């Protein structure tokens, strides 16, 4: 059963300089595609697919390969990336994500993902999510999540301090990276069957939510209330 959108928007009334979004599991769901590629790789290389799938979400492919102890992490990561780019079947936008993003000025949000740029572009294109001017990918940092470097870089490219940003994430590694960057975190649970196990505020998806834009910052608001306010006569 689909969980309802919370009556009270998260961080109600709080203004942020910018929003930083993870991609997979946060703006789009690509779990079927990723699972197919990683399961195929695991079977070919003699690893237990269930174990590999349990450790690969939310972190850079190269770091998963290093953790698995393969002899050539770069080559194996490149193999996975090719498979995922070629197979985007089932990649779709998280409910309400496109409309939510459409309400944010382009210079006030960024995507910060553990995927490569080529893979990010392929998946976002398949899901119908516009690519923002600031897109931080795996090639841009030496250490992936939970290291905060990616979110610090995203904030810097937007010209704001990370401590004034809200990070949208679906993994504990990503939320830990947000914490380490000094940012606020919001968990997205659309792709989770069980509680994420975090003290951060959480929403299932973006339905019923909108963004109020002001010189002082961005605020998450109730979409219906925002529409009624816009529709009210002057």
Protein backbone atom coordinates (compact mmCIF):
# COMPACT_ATOMS: atom_id res chain seq x y z
CA UNK A 1 0.00 0.00 0.00
CA UNK A 2 1.34 3.42 -0.97
CA UNK A 3 2.09 5.65 1.99
CA UNK A 4 0.29 9.01 1.90
CA UNK A 5 2.15 12.26 1.49
CA UNK A 6 2.64 13.77 4.94
CA UNK A 7 0.16 16.53 5.84
CA UNK A 8 3.02 18.68 7.08
CA UNK A 9 5.82 19.33 4.57
CA UNK A 10 9.26 18.43 5.94
CA UNK A 11 11.29 21.31 7.36
CA UNK A 12 8.11 23.38 7.37
CA UNK A 13 8.87 27.06 7.13
CA UNK A 14 12.62 26.61 6.91
CA UNK A 15 14.44 28.33 4.05
CA UNK A 16 17.42 26.85 2.23
CA UNK A 17 19.87 28.47 -0.17
CA UNK A 18 19.75 25.47 -2.52
CA UNK A 19 18.61 21.87 -2.88
CA UNK A 20 21.04 19.04 -3.67
CA UNK A 21 19.51 15.84 -5.03
CA UNK A 22 20.93 12.37 -5.25
CA UNK A 23 19.72 10.66 -8.44
CA UNK A 24 19.05 6.92 -8.20
CA UNK A 25 16.28 6.19 -5.71
CA UNK A 26 15.80 9.90 -5.06
CA UNK A 27 14.71 11.44 -8.37
CA UNK A 28 14.46 8.27 -10.42
CA UNK A 29 14.06 4.57 -9.81
CA UNK A 30 16.67 2.52 -11.64
CA UNK A 31 16.86 -0.43 -9.30
CA UNK A 32 15.68 -3.00 -11.86
CA UNK A 33 18.28 -1.94 -14.41
CA UNK A 34 21.07 -1.80 -11.84
CA UNK A 35 20.15 -5.15 -10.34
CA UNK A 36 20.18 -6.81 -13.76
CA UNK A 37 23.63 -5.47 -14.60
CA UNK A 38 25.17 -6.30 -11.23
CA UNK A 39 23.57 -9.75 -11.04
CA UNK A 40 24.88 -10.59 -14.52
CA UNK A 41 28.35 -9.40 -13.54
CA UNK A 42 28.32 -11.33 -10.25
CA UNK A 43 27.35 -14.56 -11.97
CA UNK A 44 30.06 -14.15 -14.60
CA UNK A 45 32.72 -13.39 -11.98
CA UNK A 46 31.71 -16.02 -9.46
CA UNK A 47 30.31 -13.73 -6.76
CA UNK A 48 27.08 -14.25 -4.86
CA UNK A 49 24.61 -11.91 -6.60
CA UNK A 50 22.56 -11.38 -3.42
CA UNK A 51 25.62 -10.20 -1.54
CA UNK A 52 26.77 -7.92 -4.34
CA UNK A 53 23.32 -6.32 -4.59
CA UNK A 54 23.31 -5.77 -0.83
CA UNK A 55 26.43 -3.57 -0.90
CA UNK A 56 26.38 -1.70 -4.23
CA UNK A 57 23.53 0.81 -3.83
CA UNK A 58 24.34 4.44 -3.09
CA UNK A 59 28.10 4.26 -3.59
CA UNK A 60 30.40 4.60 -6.59
CA UNK A 61 30.86 1.48 -8.68
CA UNK A 62 34.64 1.71 -8.41
CA UNK A 63 34.40 1.61 -4.61
CA UNK A 64 32.17 -1.47 -4.68
CA UNK A 65 34.69 -3.18 -6.95
CA UNK A 66 37.51 -2.27 -4.59
CA UNK A 67 35.52 -3.61 -1.66
CA UNK A 68 34.98 -6.88 -3.53
CA UNK A 69 38.72 -7.17 -4.10
CA UNK A 70 38.68 -7.58 -7.90
CA UNK A 71 42.04 -7.39 -9.64
CA UNK A 72 41.13 -4.48 -11.94
CA UNK A 73 38.42 -2.30 -10.33
CA UNK A 74 38.52 0.28 -13.13
CA UNK A 75 37.90 -2.26 -15.88
CA UNK A 76 35.14 -4.04 -13.96
CA UNK A 77 33.45 -0.73 -13.12
CA UNK A 78 33.56 0.23 -16.79
CA UNK A 79 31.88 -3.08 -17.69
CA UNK A 80 29.05 -2.42 -15.26
CA UNK A 81 28.60 1.14 -16.52
CA UNK A 82 28.34 -0.01 -20.14
CA UNK A 83 25.70 -2.55 -19.20
CA UNK A 84 23.67 0.01 -17.25
CA UNK A 85 23.83 2.58 -20.06
CA UNK A 86 22.67 0.01 -22.60
CA UNK A 87 19.85 -1.28 -20.38
CA UNK A 88 17.61 1.51 -19.05
CA UNK A 89 14.42 -0.54 -19.21
CA UNK A 90 12.28 0.26 -16.17
CA UNK A 91 14.01 3.54 -15.34
CA UNK A 92 11.29 6.02 -14.38
CA UNK A 93 10.92 9.22 -12.38
CA UNK A 94 9.92 9.06 -8.73
CA UNK A 95 6.30 10.18 -8.42
CA UNK A 96 6.01 13.96 -8.44
CA UNK A 97 9.73 14.57 -8.97
CA UNK A 98 9.51 16.33 -12.33
CA UNK A 99 6.84 18.78 -11.16
CA UNK A 100 8.71 19.44 -7.92
CA UNK A 101 11.94 20.22 -9.79
CA UNK A 102 10.12 22.45 -12.29
CA UNK A 103 9.35 24.86 -9.46
CA UNK A 104 13.02 25.42 -8.56
CA UNK A 105 15.19 28.02 -10.36
CA UNK A 106 18.00 26.29 -12.25
CA UNK A 107 20.69 28.07 -10.27
CA UNK A 108 19.26 26.84 -6.96
CA UNK A 109 19.49 23.06 -7.37
CA UNK A 110 21.94 20.38 -8.42
CA UNK A 111 22.12 16.63 -8.88
CA UNK A 112 24.92 14.93 -6.94
CA UNK A 113 25.20 11.27 -7.92
CA UNK A 114 27.55 8.32 -7.51
CA UNK A 115 26.90 7.41 -11.15
CA UNK A 116 29.17 8.38 -14.03
CA UNK A 117 28.11 11.35 -16.15
CA UNK A 118 27.28 9.16 -19.15
CA UNK A 119 25.10 6.89 -17.02
CA UNK A 120 23.42 9.83 -15.29
CA UNK A 121 22.57 11.41 -18.63
CA UNK A 122 21.18 8.12 -19.97
CA UNK A 123 19.00 7.48 -16.94
CA UNK A 124 17.74 11.03 -16.55
CA UNK A 125 16.88 11.13 -20.24
CA UNK A 126 14.96 7.86 -19.99
CA UNK A 127 13.07 9.12 -16.92
CA UNK A 128 12.27 12.51 -18.45
CA UNK A 129 14.15 14.49 -15.81
CA UNK A 130 15.90 17.62 -17.06
CA UNK A 131 19.64 17.77 -16.47
CA UNK A 132 20.47 20.85 -14.38
CA UNK A 133 23.45 23.11 -15.09
CA UNK A 134 25.18 21.65 -12.03
CA UNK A 135 25.59 17.87 -12.21
CA UNK A 136 28.19 16.32 -9.93
CA UNK A 137 29.10 12.74 -10.93
CA UNK A 138 31.55 10.04 -9.92
CA UNK A 139 34.30 11.49 -12.12
CA UNK A 140 34.26 14.76 -10.16
CA UNK A 141 35.45 13.42 -6.80
CA UNK A 142 38.18 11.10 -5.58
CA UNK A 143 36.07 9.66 -2.76
CA UNK A 144 32.38 8.87 -2.97
CA UNK A 145 29.62 8.89 -0.37
CA UNK A 146 29.68 8.76 2.65
CA UNK A 147 32.56 11.18 2.07
CA UNK A 148 31.07 14.71 1.93
CA UNK A 149 33.22 15.89 -1.01
CA UNK A 150 30.45 15.49 -3.59
CA UNK A 151 27.94 17.63 -1.70
CA UNK A 152 30.55 20.22 -0.83
CA UNK A 153 31.40 20.43 -4.53
CA UNK A 154 27.75 20.69 -5.57
CA UNK A 155 27.14 23.53 -3.13
CA UNK A 156 30.32 25.28 -4.23
CA UNK A 157 29.32 25.12 -7.89
CA UNK A 158 26.00 26.72 -6.98
CA UNK A 159 27.84 29.43 -5.09
CA UNK A 160 26.37 28.60 -1.68
CA UNK A 161 27.58 27.10 1.58
CA UNK A 162 26.68 23.44 2.08
CA UNK A 163 25.40 24.22 5.55
CA UNK A 164 22.62 26.25 3.94
CA UNK A 165 21.54 23.38 1.66
CA UNK A 166 18.98 20.59 1.92
CA UNK A 167 20.13 17.23 0.58
CA UNK A 168 17.56 14.75 -0.79
CA UNK A 169 18.85 11.19 -0.43
CA UNK A 170 17.66 7.58 -0.32
CA UNK A 171 20.64 5.83 1.29
CA UNK A 172 22.37 5.92 4.64
CA UNK A 173 25.69 6.54 2.86
CA UNK A 174 24.24 9.60 1.16
CA UNK A 175 22.61 10.96 4.30
CA UNK A 176 25.87 10.44 6.19
CA UNK A 177 27.65 12.41 3.47
CA UNK A 178 25.10 15.20 3.85
CA UNK A 179 25.65 15.26 7.60
CA UNK A 180 29.41 15.36 7.15
CA UNK A 181 29.04 18.27 4.71
CA UNK A 182 27.08 20.20 7.32
CA UNK A 183 23.89 20.11 5.23
CA UNK A 184 20.38 19.16 6.29
CA UNK A 185 19.09 15.82 5.01
CA UNK A 186 15.74 14.53 3.78
CA UNK A 187 15.22 10.80 3.18
CA UNK A 188 13.28 9.63 0.12
CA UNK A 189 11.77 6.18 0.70
CA UNK A 190 9.96 5.41 -2.59
CA UNK A 191 12.22 2.46 -3.42
CA UNK A 192 12.43 1.06 0.12
CA UNK A 193 10.31 -1.80 1.42
CA UNK A 194 11.56 -1.38 4.98
CA UNK A 195 12.34 1.67 7.15
CA UNK A 196 15.60 3.31 6.19
CA UNK A 197 16.76 3.52 9.79
CA UNK A 198 17.60 7.20 9.99
CA UNK A 199 16.55 10.05 12.24
CA UNK A 200 16.29 12.41 9.26
CA UNK A 201 12.83 13.58 8.18
CA UNK A 202 11.46 11.38 5.40
CA UNK A 203 8.94 11.47 2.56
CA UNK A 204 7.93 8.69 0.21
CA UNK A 205 7.89 10.82 -2.93
CA UNK A 206 7.15 14.37 -4.07
CA UNK A 207 3.40 14.17 -4.63
CA UNK A 208 1.53 16.95 -2.86
CA UNK A 209 4.68 19.01 -2.35
CA UNK A 210 5.97 22.15 -4.06
CA UNK A 211 8.71 24.73 -3.62
CA UNK A 212 8.15 28.32 -2.55
CA UNK A 213 10.89 30.54 -3.97
CA UNK A 214 11.89 33.78 -2.30
CA UNK A 215 15.05 35.92 -2.18
CA UNK A 216 15.58 34.53 1.33
CA UNK A 217 15.62 30.94 0.10
CA UNK A 218 13.66 27.83 -0.90
CA UNK A 219 10.91 26.34 1.25
CA UNK A 220 9.05 23.03 0.84
CA UNK A 221 5.32 23.72 0.97
CA UNK A 222 2.01 21.97 0.45
CA UNK A 223 1.32 22.02 -3.29
CA UNK A 224 -2.42 22.52 -2.93
CA UNK A 225 -1.96 25.46 -0.58
CA UNK A 226 0.62 27.00 -2.89
CA UNK A 227 -1.76 26.62 -5.85
CA UNK A 228 -4.62 28.21 -3.94
CA UNK A 229 -2.39 31.13 -2.98
CA UNK A 230 -1.29 31.65 -6.60
CA UNK A 231 -4.88 31.44 -7.82
CA UNK A 232 -6.24 33.93 -5.30
CA UNK A 233 -7.24 37.31 -6.79
CA UNK A 234 -4.87 40.19 -6.11
